N, C-alpha and C. Protein backbone atom coordinates (compact mmCIF):
# COMPACT_ATOMS: atom_id res chain seq x y z
N MET A 1 7.46 0.31 18.39
CA MET A 1 7.18 1.25 17.52
C MET A 1 5.62 1.55 17.92
N ASP A 2 5.44 2.83 17.99
CA ASP A 2 4.06 3.55 18.15
C ASP A 2 3.53 3.63 16.56
N GLU A 3 2.66 2.45 16.12
CA GLU A 3 2.21 2.52 14.77
C GLU A 3 1.44 3.73 14.21
N MET A 4 0.65 4.29 15.38
CA MET A 4 -0.31 5.33 14.87
C MET A 4 0.55 6.56 14.61
N SER A 5 1.66 6.62 15.24
CA SER A 5 2.41 7.89 15.12
C SER A 5 3.52 7.70 13.94
N GLU A 6 3.27 6.60 13.07
CA GLU A 6 4.01 6.25 11.89
C GLU A 6 3.46 6.42 10.81
N ILE A 7 2.31 6.68 10.77
CA ILE A 7 1.46 6.74 9.64
C ILE A 7 0.78 8.28 9.27
N SER A 8 0.39 8.27 8.09
CA SER A 8 -0.15 9.65 7.80
C SER A 8 -1.62 9.85 8.20
N PRO A 9 -2.02 11.17 8.08
CA PRO A 9 -3.31 11.38 8.38
C PRO A 9 -4.46 10.63 7.49
N PHE A 10 -4.05 10.63 6.24
CA PHE A 10 -4.96 9.72 5.54
C PHE A 10 -5.04 8.22 6.02
N GLN A 11 -3.89 7.61 6.30
CA GLN A 11 -3.68 6.16 6.74
C GLN A 11 -4.60 6.02 8.15
N ARG A 12 -4.30 7.25 9.06
CA ARG A 12 -4.94 7.05 10.18
C ARG A 12 -6.49 6.86 10.04
N LEU A 13 -7.06 7.75 8.94
CA LEU A 13 -8.41 7.74 8.80
C LEU A 13 -8.90 6.50 8.39
N VAL A 14 -8.20 5.95 7.45
CA VAL A 14 -8.55 4.52 6.93
C VAL A 14 -8.65 3.42 8.14
N CYS A 15 -7.47 3.67 9.14
CA CYS A 15 -7.50 2.65 10.13
C CYS A 15 -8.73 2.61 11.23
N THR A 16 -9.64 3.89 10.94
CA THR A 16 -10.82 3.93 11.97
C THR A 16 -11.78 3.01 11.52
N ALA A 17 -11.69 2.48 10.20
CA ALA A 17 -12.59 1.49 9.64
C ALA A 17 -12.22 0.24 10.08
N ALA A 18 -11.10 -0.03 10.78
CA ALA A 18 -10.66 -1.34 11.24
C ALA A 18 -11.00 -1.56 12.66
N GLY A 19 -11.78 -0.64 13.27
CA GLY A 19 -12.19 -0.84 14.53
C GLY A 19 -11.28 -1.27 15.56
N ARG A 20 -11.45 -2.44 16.20
CA ARG A 20 -10.48 -2.80 17.24
C ARG A 20 -9.20 -3.33 16.69
N LYS A 21 -9.01 -3.53 15.39
CA LYS A 21 -8.04 -3.87 14.66
C LYS A 21 -7.32 -2.80 14.14
N ALA A 22 -7.53 -1.43 14.43
CA ALA A 22 -6.72 -0.44 13.93
C ALA A 22 -5.42 -0.26 14.12
N GLY A 23 -4.80 -0.84 15.31
CA GLY A 23 -3.47 -1.06 15.51
C GLY A 23 -2.85 -1.95 14.57
N ARG A 24 -3.59 -2.87 14.30
CA ARG A 24 -3.09 -4.04 13.39
C ARG A 24 -2.73 -3.30 11.97
N ALA A 25 -3.79 -2.47 11.36
CA ALA A 25 -3.87 -1.87 10.17
C ALA A 25 -2.80 -0.84 10.29
N ALA A 26 -2.41 -0.15 11.34
CA ALA A 26 -1.54 0.92 11.47
C ALA A 26 -0.23 0.21 11.28
N GLY A 27 0.00 -0.85 11.75
CA GLY A 27 1.39 -1.58 11.77
C GLY A 27 1.59 -1.92 10.13
N ILE A 28 0.67 -2.41 9.58
CA ILE A 28 0.59 -2.74 7.99
C ILE A 28 1.08 -1.67 7.28
N PHE A 29 0.26 -0.43 7.54
CA PHE A 29 0.53 0.83 6.92
C PHE A 29 2.16 1.28 7.16
N ALA A 30 2.62 1.07 8.50
CA ALA A 30 3.84 1.52 8.73
C ALA A 30 4.91 0.95 8.00
N LEU A 31 4.79 -0.42 7.61
CA LEU A 31 5.62 -1.20 6.66
C LEU A 31 5.71 -0.46 5.38
N ASP A 32 4.53 -0.27 4.75
CA ASP A 32 4.47 0.32 3.50
C ASP A 32 5.26 1.75 3.71
N ASN A 33 4.93 2.44 4.62
CA ASN A 33 5.84 3.84 4.61
C ASN A 33 7.15 3.60 4.83
N ALA A 34 7.66 2.55 5.53
CA ALA A 34 9.02 2.08 5.58
C ALA A 34 9.85 2.03 4.20
N CYS A 35 8.79 1.32 3.44
CA CYS A 35 9.48 0.89 2.04
C CYS A 35 9.37 2.23 1.19
N ALA A 36 8.40 2.97 1.36
CA ALA A 36 8.39 4.16 0.52
C ALA A 36 9.52 5.15 0.96
N GLN A 37 9.80 5.22 2.33
CA GLN A 37 11.09 5.94 2.61
C GLN A 37 12.35 5.39 1.88
N ILE A 38 12.50 4.26 1.89
CA ILE A 38 13.55 3.63 1.15
C ILE A 38 13.71 3.96 -0.06
N ALA A 39 12.53 3.80 -0.96
CA ALA A 39 12.46 4.41 -2.16
C ALA A 39 12.83 5.75 -2.54
N ARG A 40 12.26 6.61 -1.66
CA ARG A 40 12.33 7.96 -1.60
C ARG A 40 13.84 8.52 -1.39
N THR A 41 14.57 7.88 -0.59
CA THR A 41 15.88 8.30 -0.03
C THR A 41 16.98 7.47 -0.28
N VAL A 42 16.93 6.60 -0.48
CA VAL A 42 18.07 5.77 -0.99
C VAL A 42 18.47 5.97 -2.52
N THR A 43 19.65 6.35 -2.81
CA THR A 43 20.03 6.78 -4.35
C THR A 43 20.38 5.58 -5.17
N GLU A 44 21.21 4.63 -4.40
CA GLU A 44 21.54 3.57 -5.06
C GLU A 44 20.59 2.40 -5.10
N PRO A 45 20.06 1.85 -6.14
CA PRO A 45 19.00 0.80 -6.12
C PRO A 45 19.54 -0.49 -5.36
N ILE A 46 20.79 -0.89 -5.59
CA ILE A 46 21.38 -1.93 -4.80
C ILE A 46 21.19 -1.69 -3.28
N MET A 47 21.37 -0.70 -2.94
CA MET A 47 21.48 -0.40 -1.23
C MET A 47 19.97 -0.49 -0.94
N ALA A 48 19.08 0.17 -1.74
CA ALA A 48 17.61 0.06 -1.37
C ALA A 48 17.19 -1.42 -1.47
N GLN A 49 17.65 -2.28 -2.39
CA GLN A 49 17.24 -3.52 -2.29
C GLN A 49 17.63 -4.45 -1.03
N ILE A 50 18.96 -4.20 -0.73
CA ILE A 50 19.59 -4.73 0.56
C ILE A 50 18.71 -4.36 1.74
N ARG A 51 18.13 -3.19 2.10
CA ARG A 51 17.27 -2.68 3.05
C ARG A 51 16.15 -3.14 3.07
N LEU A 52 15.37 -3.48 1.73
CA LEU A 52 14.19 -3.98 1.42
C LEU A 52 14.29 -5.73 1.90
N ALA A 53 15.61 -6.10 1.41
CA ALA A 53 15.56 -7.51 1.77
C ALA A 53 15.73 -7.90 3.43
N TRP A 54 16.13 -6.94 4.26
CA TRP A 54 16.20 -7.13 5.56
C TRP A 54 14.81 -7.20 6.06
N TRP A 55 13.95 -6.33 5.50
CA TRP A 55 12.40 -6.49 5.87
C TRP A 55 11.92 -7.98 5.47
N ARG A 56 12.13 -8.42 4.16
CA ARG A 56 11.68 -9.42 3.54
C ARG A 56 11.98 -10.81 4.66
N ASP A 57 13.27 -10.84 4.59
CA ASP A 57 13.98 -11.89 5.27
C ASP A 57 13.47 -12.09 6.75
N GLY A 58 13.23 -10.97 7.46
CA GLY A 58 12.78 -10.81 8.87
C GLY A 58 11.35 -11.31 9.00
N LEU A 59 10.49 -11.01 7.92
CA LEU A 59 9.14 -11.24 8.26
C LEU A 59 8.91 -12.77 7.46
N MET A 60 9.81 -13.31 6.86
CA MET A 60 9.71 -14.58 6.22
C MET A 60 10.30 -15.75 7.26
N ALA A 61 11.31 -15.25 8.17
CA ALA A 61 11.81 -16.15 9.02
C ALA A 61 10.78 -16.83 10.10
N GLU A 62 11.11 -18.18 10.22
CA GLU A 62 10.16 -18.86 11.36
C GLU A 62 10.66 -18.43 12.66
N ALA A 63 12.06 -18.19 12.90
CA ALA A 63 12.65 -17.63 14.06
C ALA A 63 13.56 -16.51 13.65
N LEU A 64 13.55 -15.45 14.38
CA LEU A 64 14.41 -14.45 13.96
C LEU A 64 15.87 -14.65 14.42
N SER A 65 16.81 -14.18 13.40
CA SER A 65 18.23 -14.17 13.92
C SER A 65 18.56 -12.97 14.34
N ALA A 66 19.85 -12.67 15.15
CA ALA A 66 20.15 -11.46 15.84
C ALA A 66 20.02 -10.07 14.91
N GLN A 67 20.37 -10.42 13.67
CA GLN A 67 20.07 -9.20 12.88
C GLN A 67 18.77 -8.55 12.48
N HIS A 68 17.88 -9.37 12.93
CA HIS A 68 16.41 -9.02 12.54
C HIS A 68 15.63 -8.77 13.96
N VAL A 69 16.53 -8.72 15.19
CA VAL A 69 15.83 -8.36 16.46
C VAL A 69 15.83 -7.01 16.53
N ALA A 70 14.81 -6.30 16.05
CA ALA A 70 14.81 -4.84 16.12
C ALA A 70 13.20 -4.46 16.48
N PRO A 71 13.18 -3.27 17.16
CA PRO A 71 11.86 -3.01 17.57
C PRO A 71 10.80 -3.02 16.54
N ASP A 72 10.92 -2.33 15.30
CA ASP A 72 10.02 -2.34 14.14
C ASP A 72 9.63 -3.62 13.76
N MET A 73 10.75 -4.74 13.52
CA MET A 73 10.59 -5.94 13.13
C MET A 73 9.57 -6.83 14.06
N LEU A 74 9.92 -6.58 15.44
CA LEU A 74 9.18 -7.26 16.26
C LEU A 74 7.87 -6.96 16.41
N ALA A 75 7.53 -5.52 16.38
CA ALA A 75 6.09 -4.97 16.51
C ALA A 75 5.35 -5.57 15.19
N LEU A 76 5.83 -5.58 13.99
CA LEU A 76 5.01 -6.01 12.90
C LEU A 76 4.96 -7.50 13.12
N ARG A 77 5.82 -8.28 13.36
CA ARG A 77 5.53 -9.76 13.55
C ARG A 77 4.59 -10.06 14.58
N SER A 78 4.65 -9.31 15.42
CA SER A 78 3.50 -9.47 16.77
C SER A 78 2.01 -8.93 16.46
N ILE A 79 1.76 -8.48 15.21
CA ILE A 79 0.35 -7.92 14.84
C ILE A 79 -0.76 -9.19 14.82
N ASP A 80 -1.89 -9.03 15.12
CA ASP A 80 -2.92 -10.18 15.15
C ASP A 80 -2.66 -10.74 13.82
N GLU A 81 -2.75 -12.03 13.70
CA GLU A 81 -3.11 -12.95 12.46
C GLU A 81 -1.81 -12.69 11.40
N PHE A 82 -0.56 -12.46 12.13
CA PHE A 82 0.56 -12.21 11.41
C PHE A 82 0.73 -13.39 10.31
N ALA A 83 0.30 -14.63 10.67
CA ALA A 83 0.67 -15.72 9.74
C ALA A 83 -0.10 -15.44 8.50
N GLN A 84 -1.40 -15.25 8.73
CA GLN A 84 -2.30 -14.90 7.40
C GLN A 84 -1.75 -13.49 6.87
N ALA A 85 -1.31 -12.65 7.46
CA ALA A 85 -0.86 -11.79 6.44
C ALA A 85 0.50 -11.37 5.94
N ARG A 86 1.36 -12.41 6.47
CA ARG A 86 2.58 -12.63 5.97
C ARG A 86 2.85 -12.47 4.38
N LEU A 87 2.16 -13.20 3.74
CA LEU A 87 2.35 -13.05 2.37
C LEU A 87 2.00 -11.79 1.68
N GLY A 88 1.04 -11.21 2.31
CA GLY A 88 0.64 -10.02 1.77
C GLY A 88 1.77 -8.81 2.16
N LEU A 89 2.20 -8.91 3.44
CA LEU A 89 3.21 -8.03 3.77
C LEU A 89 4.37 -8.30 2.85
N VAL A 90 4.86 -9.35 2.75
CA VAL A 90 6.12 -9.67 1.71
C VAL A 90 5.72 -8.95 0.27
N ALA A 91 4.48 -9.20 -0.13
CA ALA A 91 4.22 -8.75 -1.28
C ALA A 91 4.35 -7.22 -1.56
N ILE A 92 3.95 -6.61 -0.42
CA ILE A 92 4.38 -5.01 -0.24
C ILE A 92 5.70 -4.76 -0.69
N ILE A 93 6.52 -5.22 0.05
CA ILE A 93 8.12 -5.11 -0.17
C ILE A 93 8.43 -5.38 -1.54
N ASP A 94 8.04 -6.64 -2.13
CA ASP A 94 8.46 -7.05 -3.46
C ASP A 94 7.90 -6.01 -4.53
N GLY A 95 6.53 -5.45 -4.38
CA GLY A 95 6.00 -4.18 -5.26
C GLY A 95 7.11 -3.01 -5.23
N TRP A 96 7.54 -2.60 -4.04
CA TRP A 96 8.54 -1.45 -3.90
C TRP A 96 9.93 -1.79 -4.55
N GLU A 97 10.12 -3.05 -4.48
CA GLU A 97 11.48 -3.26 -5.20
C GLU A 97 11.35 -3.34 -6.71
N GLU A 98 10.02 -3.67 -7.11
CA GLU A 98 9.97 -3.42 -8.67
C GLU A 98 10.11 -2.09 -8.93
N LEU A 99 9.45 -1.15 -8.32
CA LEU A 99 9.48 0.20 -8.39
C LEU A 99 11.12 0.68 -8.45
N ILE A 100 11.79 0.18 -7.56
CA ILE A 100 13.15 0.86 -7.44
C ILE A 100 13.98 0.22 -8.35
N ALA A 101 13.82 -0.81 -8.82
CA ALA A 101 14.67 -1.64 -9.92
C ALA A 101 14.23 -1.42 -11.40
N GLY A 102 13.14 -0.80 -11.34
CA GLY A 102 12.44 -0.76 -12.88
C GLY A 102 12.99 0.17 -13.53
N GLY A 103 14.25 0.40 -13.75
CA GLY A 103 14.86 1.32 -14.87
C GLY A 103 14.20 2.72 -15.00
N ASP A 104 13.67 3.06 -16.21
CA ASP A 104 13.23 4.58 -16.27
C ASP A 104 12.05 4.72 -15.65
N GLY A 105 11.32 3.63 -15.25
CA GLY A 105 10.02 3.75 -14.34
C GLY A 105 8.84 4.00 -15.12
N ASN A 106 9.01 3.92 -16.28
CA ASN A 106 7.68 3.94 -17.41
C ASN A 106 7.34 2.82 -18.05
N ASP A 107 7.82 1.58 -17.79
CA ASP A 107 7.50 0.37 -18.24
C ASP A 107 6.27 -0.15 -17.70
N ARG A 108 5.43 -0.56 -18.74
CA ARG A 108 4.05 -1.04 -18.25
C ARG A 108 4.21 -2.13 -17.27
N ASP A 109 5.13 -3.22 -17.80
CA ASP A 109 5.21 -4.47 -16.80
C ASP A 109 5.62 -4.12 -15.43
N MET A 110 6.55 -3.19 -15.41
CA MET A 110 7.24 -2.70 -14.04
C MET A 110 5.88 -2.21 -13.30
N LEU A 111 4.96 -1.27 -13.82
CA LEU A 111 4.12 -0.62 -13.02
C LEU A 111 3.04 -1.65 -12.50
N LEU A 112 2.75 -2.69 -13.43
CA LEU A 112 1.93 -3.82 -13.15
C LEU A 112 2.20 -4.83 -12.02
N ALA A 113 3.57 -4.80 -11.92
CA ALA A 113 4.13 -5.67 -10.87
C ALA A 113 4.29 -4.90 -9.57
N TYR A 114 4.59 -3.81 -9.74
CA TYR A 114 4.71 -2.79 -8.33
C TYR A 114 3.27 -2.73 -7.97
N ALA A 115 2.01 -2.46 -8.90
CA ALA A 115 0.86 -2.41 -8.19
C ALA A 115 0.34 -3.65 -7.81
N ALA A 116 0.70 -4.79 -8.41
CA ALA A 116 0.27 -6.13 -7.81
C ALA A 116 0.98 -6.45 -6.41
N GLY A 117 2.36 -5.96 -6.30
CA GLY A 117 2.72 -6.08 -5.14
C GLY A 117 2.28 -5.52 -3.95
N ARG A 118 2.46 -4.03 -4.29
CA ARG A 118 2.31 -3.03 -3.27
C ARG A 118 0.69 -3.13 -3.00
N GLY A 119 -0.01 -2.84 -3.70
CA GLY A 119 -1.37 -2.55 -3.65
C GLY A 119 -2.19 -3.79 -3.28
N ALA A 120 -2.21 -4.84 -4.22
CA ALA A 120 -2.79 -6.13 -3.61
C ALA A 120 -2.24 -6.87 -2.60
N GLY A 121 -0.87 -6.62 -2.52
CA GLY A 121 -0.30 -7.05 -1.26
C GLY A 121 -0.92 -6.40 0.27
N LEU A 122 -1.12 -5.25 0.15
CA LEU A 122 -1.67 -4.41 1.28
C LEU A 122 -2.86 -4.94 1.61
N LEU A 123 -3.83 -4.97 0.55
CA LEU A 123 -5.13 -5.32 1.00
C LEU A 123 -5.08 -6.78 1.27
N ALA A 124 -4.41 -7.46 0.93
CA ALA A 124 -4.40 -8.94 1.38
C ALA A 124 -3.83 -9.04 2.78
N ALA A 125 -2.97 -8.23 3.03
CA ALA A 125 -2.40 -8.03 4.44
C ALA A 125 -3.68 -7.45 5.43
N LEU A 126 -4.26 -6.43 4.83
CA LEU A 126 -5.15 -5.86 5.81
C LEU A 126 -6.40 -6.71 5.99
N VAL A 127 -6.93 -7.49 4.97
CA VAL A 127 -8.19 -8.23 5.10
C VAL A 127 -7.80 -9.54 4.24
N PRO A 128 -6.86 -10.66 4.83
CA PRO A 128 -6.74 -11.65 4.07
C PRO A 128 -7.84 -12.38 3.60
N GLU A 129 -8.81 -12.44 4.07
CA GLU A 129 -10.02 -13.31 3.67
C GLU A 129 -10.54 -12.84 2.17
N TYR A 130 -10.15 -11.48 1.75
CA TYR A 130 -10.53 -10.82 0.92
C TYR A 130 -9.43 -10.50 -0.33
N ALA A 131 -8.49 -11.17 -0.09
CA ALA A 131 -7.26 -11.09 -0.76
C ALA A 131 -7.54 -11.06 -2.47
N GLU A 132 -8.18 -12.05 -2.76
CA GLU A 132 -8.53 -12.30 -4.18
C GLU A 132 -9.57 -11.40 -4.88
N ARG A 133 -10.50 -11.14 -4.01
CA ARG A 133 -11.72 -10.20 -4.47
C ARG A 133 -10.86 -8.79 -4.53
N SER A 134 -10.18 -8.28 -3.73
CA SER A 134 -9.59 -6.95 -3.62
C SER A 134 -8.51 -6.73 -4.45
N ALA A 135 -7.84 -7.79 -5.23
CA ALA A 135 -6.32 -7.49 -5.70
C ALA A 135 -6.49 -6.35 -6.70
N ARG A 136 -7.57 -6.34 -7.60
CA ARG A 136 -7.40 -5.28 -8.66
C ARG A 136 -7.78 -3.91 -7.98
N ALA A 137 -8.66 -3.82 -7.03
CA ALA A 137 -8.73 -2.77 -6.65
C ALA A 137 -7.60 -2.22 -5.75
N GLY A 138 -6.86 -3.14 -5.19
CA GLY A 138 -5.52 -2.73 -4.58
C GLY A 138 -4.62 -2.11 -5.68
N GLN A 139 -4.40 -2.72 -6.75
CA GLN A 139 -3.62 -2.28 -7.76
C GLN A 139 -3.93 -0.87 -8.17
N VAL A 140 -5.27 -0.55 -8.23
CA VAL A 140 -5.53 0.93 -8.58
C VAL A 140 -5.29 1.76 -7.55
N TRP A 141 -5.31 1.43 -6.29
CA TRP A 141 -5.13 2.48 -5.13
C TRP A 141 -3.52 2.46 -5.22
N ALA A 142 -2.67 1.48 -5.44
CA ALA A 142 -1.32 1.70 -5.42
C ALA A 142 -0.78 2.84 -6.64
N LEU A 143 -1.38 2.62 -7.77
CA LEU A 143 -1.07 3.39 -8.94
C LEU A 143 -1.60 4.79 -8.72
N TRP A 144 -2.63 4.93 -8.02
CA TRP A 144 -3.24 6.29 -7.92
C TRP A 144 -2.35 7.02 -6.89
N ASP A 145 -1.93 6.45 -5.70
CA ASP A 145 -1.13 6.80 -4.88
C ASP A 145 0.16 7.48 -5.21
N LEU A 146 0.83 6.53 -6.19
CA LEU A 146 2.10 6.57 -6.75
C LEU A 146 1.96 8.11 -7.44
N ALA A 147 0.97 8.16 -8.42
CA ALA A 147 0.73 9.26 -9.09
C ALA A 147 0.64 10.45 -8.48
N GLY A 148 0.28 10.40 -7.33
CA GLY A 148 0.05 11.69 -6.38
C GLY A 148 1.13 11.97 -5.84
N HIS A 149 2.42 11.09 -5.88
CA HIS A 149 3.59 11.58 -4.87
C HIS A 149 4.76 11.61 -5.94
N VAL A 150 4.74 11.59 -7.13
CA VAL A 150 5.93 11.61 -7.92
C VAL A 150 6.06 13.03 -8.68
N THR A 151 7.13 13.34 -8.95
CA THR A 151 7.47 14.72 -9.79
C THR A 151 7.57 14.30 -11.38
N ASP A 152 7.78 13.10 -11.63
CA ASP A 152 8.15 12.61 -12.99
C ASP A 152 6.86 12.61 -13.77
N ALA A 153 6.55 13.59 -14.66
CA ALA A 153 5.40 13.68 -15.16
C ALA A 153 4.91 12.42 -16.41
N ALA A 154 5.81 11.93 -16.60
CA ALA A 154 5.82 10.73 -17.40
C ALA A 154 5.28 9.56 -16.79
N LEU A 155 5.85 9.20 -15.46
CA LEU A 155 5.68 8.20 -14.60
C LEU A 155 4.28 8.45 -14.22
N ARG A 156 3.87 9.62 -13.80
CA ARG A 156 2.57 9.98 -13.32
C ARG A 156 1.51 9.81 -14.27
N GLU A 157 1.74 10.16 -15.58
CA GLU A 157 0.63 9.87 -16.47
C GLU A 157 0.66 8.41 -16.81
N ALA A 158 1.80 7.66 -16.88
CA ALA A 158 1.66 6.19 -17.24
C ALA A 158 0.79 5.41 -15.98
N ALA A 159 1.26 5.75 -14.74
CA ALA A 159 0.49 5.28 -13.47
C ALA A 159 -1.09 5.34 -13.66
N ILE A 160 -1.52 6.68 -14.05
CA ILE A 160 -2.83 6.90 -13.85
C ILE A 160 -3.62 6.32 -15.25
N GLY A 161 -2.81 6.16 -16.23
CA GLY A 161 -3.36 5.55 -17.41
C GLY A 161 -3.66 4.03 -16.99
N LEU A 162 -2.70 3.35 -16.54
CA LEU A 162 -2.78 2.08 -16.28
C LEU A 162 -3.97 1.75 -15.15
N ALA A 163 -4.04 2.56 -14.18
CA ALA A 163 -4.73 2.54 -13.29
C ALA A 163 -6.17 2.62 -13.68
N CYS A 164 -6.43 3.57 -14.68
CA CYS A 164 -7.77 3.72 -15.45
C CYS A 164 -8.32 2.41 -16.11
N GLN A 165 -7.26 1.79 -16.76
CA GLN A 165 -7.66 0.56 -17.48
C GLN A 165 -7.93 -0.46 -16.18
N ILE A 166 -7.18 -0.66 -15.10
CA ILE A 166 -7.43 -1.83 -14.32
C ILE A 166 -9.06 -1.41 -13.50
N ALA A 167 -9.10 -0.13 -13.39
CA ALA A 167 -10.34 0.31 -12.63
C ALA A 167 -11.71 -0.31 -13.30
N GLU A 168 -11.54 -0.44 -14.80
CA GLU A 168 -12.75 -0.90 -15.48
C GLU A 168 -13.16 -2.22 -15.01
N SER A 169 -12.30 -3.05 -14.29
CA SER A 169 -12.73 -4.47 -13.78
C SER A 169 -12.51 -4.43 -12.52
N ALA A 170 -12.25 -3.37 -11.53
CA ALA A 170 -12.33 -3.39 -10.24
C ALA A 170 -13.40 -3.12 -9.62
N ASN A 171 -13.97 -3.94 -8.71
CA ASN A 171 -15.21 -3.89 -8.01
C ASN A 171 -15.02 -3.81 -6.50
N ILE A 172 -15.54 -2.81 -5.67
CA ILE A 172 -15.47 -2.91 -4.28
C ILE A 172 -16.65 -2.93 -3.57
N ALA A 173 -17.74 -3.50 -4.45
CA ALA A 173 -19.15 -3.48 -3.88
C ALA A 173 -19.02 -4.70 -2.94
N GLY A 174 -19.65 -4.63 -1.61
CA GLY A 174 -19.62 -5.63 -0.75
C GLY A 174 -18.35 -5.84 -0.11
N LEU A 175 -17.04 -5.12 -0.36
CA LEU A 175 -15.92 -5.25 0.44
C LEU A 175 -15.84 -4.60 1.80
N PRO A 176 -15.13 -5.01 2.81
CA PRO A 176 -15.03 -4.25 3.98
C PRO A 176 -14.85 -2.84 3.89
N ARG A 177 -15.31 -2.11 4.92
CA ARG A 177 -15.26 -0.77 5.03
C ARG A 177 -13.83 -0.32 4.82
N ILE A 178 -12.77 -0.91 5.37
CA ILE A 178 -11.36 -0.54 5.33
C ILE A 178 -10.95 -0.28 3.89
N ILE A 179 -11.55 -1.24 3.16
CA ILE A 179 -11.22 -1.23 1.73
C ILE A 179 -11.78 -0.30 0.71
N THR A 180 -13.11 -0.17 1.02
CA THR A 180 -13.88 0.81 0.11
C THR A 180 -13.38 2.17 0.64
N MET A 181 -13.09 2.31 1.92
CA MET A 181 -12.63 3.68 2.34
C MET A 181 -11.26 4.08 1.51
N LEU A 182 -10.44 3.13 1.42
CA LEU A 182 -8.97 3.37 0.91
C LEU A 182 -9.13 3.52 -0.57
N VAL A 183 -9.78 2.49 -1.10
CA VAL A 183 -9.83 2.62 -2.68
C VAL A 183 -10.96 3.49 -3.32
N GLY A 184 -12.13 3.70 -2.67
CA GLY A 184 -13.17 4.31 -3.45
C GLY A 184 -12.65 5.53 -4.08
N PRO A 185 -11.98 6.61 -3.34
CA PRO A 185 -11.77 7.68 -3.90
C PRO A 185 -10.58 7.61 -5.11
N ALA A 186 -9.76 6.65 -4.90
CA ALA A 186 -8.91 6.42 -6.06
C ALA A 186 -9.52 5.88 -7.29
N LEU A 187 -10.60 5.11 -7.22
CA LEU A 187 -11.34 4.53 -8.47
C LEU A 187 -11.92 5.96 -9.11
N SER A 188 -12.52 6.72 -8.28
CA SER A 188 -13.27 7.77 -9.11
C SER A 188 -12.28 8.80 -9.68
N ASP A 189 -10.95 9.08 -8.91
CA ASP A 189 -10.08 9.95 -9.23
C ASP A 189 -9.25 9.56 -10.58
N VAL A 190 -9.00 8.28 -10.83
CA VAL A 190 -8.20 7.93 -11.89
C VAL A 190 -9.17 7.81 -12.94
N ARG A 191 -10.41 7.54 -13.04
CA ARG A 191 -11.26 7.60 -14.18
C ARG A 191 -11.52 9.21 -14.52
N ARG A 192 -11.33 10.12 -13.84
CA ARG A 192 -10.88 11.58 -14.14
C ARG A 192 -9.51 11.99 -14.29
N GLY A 193 -8.64 11.00 -14.47
CA GLY A 193 -7.36 11.25 -14.57
C GLY A 193 -6.50 11.95 -13.59
N ARG A 194 -7.06 11.74 -12.35
CA ARG A 194 -6.38 12.41 -11.40
C ARG A 194 -5.54 11.35 -10.50
N GLY A 195 -4.40 11.72 -9.89
CA GLY A 195 -3.70 10.84 -8.83
C GLY A 195 -4.24 11.33 -7.49
N ALA A 196 -3.52 10.71 -6.56
CA ALA A 196 -4.09 10.96 -4.91
C ALA A 196 -3.64 12.53 -4.77
N PRO A 197 -4.38 13.16 -4.24
CA PRO A 197 -3.87 14.60 -3.49
C PRO A 197 -2.53 14.19 -2.32
N PRO A 198 -1.64 15.10 -2.57
CA PRO A 198 -0.29 14.80 -1.79
C PRO A 198 -0.67 14.84 -0.16
N VAL A 199 -1.65 15.43 0.35
CA VAL A 199 -2.26 15.47 1.73
C VAL A 199 -3.68 15.34 1.74
N LEU A 200 -4.16 14.94 3.02
CA LEU A 200 -5.46 14.82 3.16
C LEU A 200 -6.22 16.02 3.24
N THR A 201 -6.71 16.35 2.06
CA THR A 201 -7.68 17.66 1.78
C THR A 201 -9.11 17.37 2.38
N PRO A 202 -9.72 18.51 2.65
CA PRO A 202 -11.07 18.49 3.27
C PRO A 202 -12.10 17.69 2.10
N GLY A 203 -11.80 17.96 0.91
CA GLY A 203 -12.53 17.19 -0.08
C GLY A 203 -12.47 15.53 -0.09
N LEU A 204 -11.16 15.09 -0.03
CA LEU A 204 -10.73 13.72 0.01
C LEU A 204 -11.20 13.21 1.44
N TYR A 205 -11.23 13.86 2.55
CA TYR A 205 -11.73 13.53 3.87
C TYR A 205 -13.25 13.11 3.75
N ALA A 206 -13.95 14.36 3.04
CA ALA A 206 -15.39 14.05 2.83
C ALA A 206 -15.78 12.90 2.02
N ARG A 207 -14.93 12.56 1.04
CA ARG A 207 -15.30 11.46 0.24
C ARG A 207 -15.01 10.04 1.17
N MET A 208 -13.82 10.05 1.61
CA MET A 208 -13.61 8.91 2.47
C MET A 208 -14.79 8.52 3.56
N MET A 209 -14.99 9.62 4.05
CA MET A 209 -16.12 9.48 5.27
C MET A 209 -17.40 8.85 4.57
N ARG A 210 -17.76 9.32 3.26
CA ARG A 210 -18.86 8.79 2.49
C ARG A 210 -18.83 7.33 2.34
N PHE A 211 -17.67 6.79 1.83
CA PHE A 211 -17.35 5.31 1.76
C PHE A 211 -17.34 4.70 3.13
N HIS A 212 -16.88 5.21 4.19
CA HIS A 212 -16.86 4.68 5.53
C HIS A 212 -18.36 4.59 5.96
N ILE A 213 -19.21 5.37 5.69
CA ILE A 213 -20.56 5.30 6.14
C ILE A 213 -21.41 4.51 5.33
N PHE A 214 -21.33 4.88 4.11
CA PHE A 214 -22.27 4.14 3.03
C PHE A 214 -21.72 2.86 2.22
N GLY A 215 -20.20 3.06 2.37
CA GLY A 215 -19.62 1.90 1.44
C GLY A 215 -19.66 2.04 0.01
N ARG A 216 -20.00 3.22 -0.44
CA ARG A 216 -19.93 3.53 -1.92
C ARG A 216 -20.07 4.97 -2.16
C-alpha cells in the first residue's frame, strides 16, 4: 500500500508535521479512510461490522492468520511503534462501528462513543505519548469532520453541538504540531457552528499552516 496515495490533501498536509514519520501518520490516516469507506458504501450494518472486524482482528492478532495476510494489513502492522499505536488503531475501528450501528445517528451517547473511538483513538495512534492529553481534542476533530461530510442535517447539527460542548474543555496548547494542525481549525469552527469544509480550501490551508508554524 502506498500510504500517501491513500489519503486526502488535508491529511497529506497534516502529515508534513510528522517529519520523518510522515509515512507512519499516512498509514494511520489510511486506516481511518478505509473505515470511512466501509461506513459510506456498505448498506447493511452487519456486513459493515464484519468488514470492520477483519481489521480489528488482524491488528490485535499476535501472529496473522492466512485470512489477514493482505498488503494493507501488513503495511499497517509494519509502521514504526506499531505496538504503542495498536490500541489507538483499534479504537478508530470501534468508533466507526458505533456510528454504523448507532440507529438513527442522533443519539448523544452514540456520538460520544464514536468521537472517543475515532477521534481520541486517531490521536493516540499518531502520538501515543500524548493520548490522554489529546483525547478531548480528538473528539472535537472527529465530530467536526463528521459534520462536514454528512447530508443528514439533524446529525450534522447534533455533531456540531456536541463538539462545541467538548471544545470548552479541550486544550491543545503545548501539544505536538501534528495535533494542533489537525485539531486547531476544528476547535475554531465548531465554536462558530461550522463543520469541516468538504475539501481542503485555501482558507483551511492557511489556518492549518498557521497552526503548523506557530502552534496556535
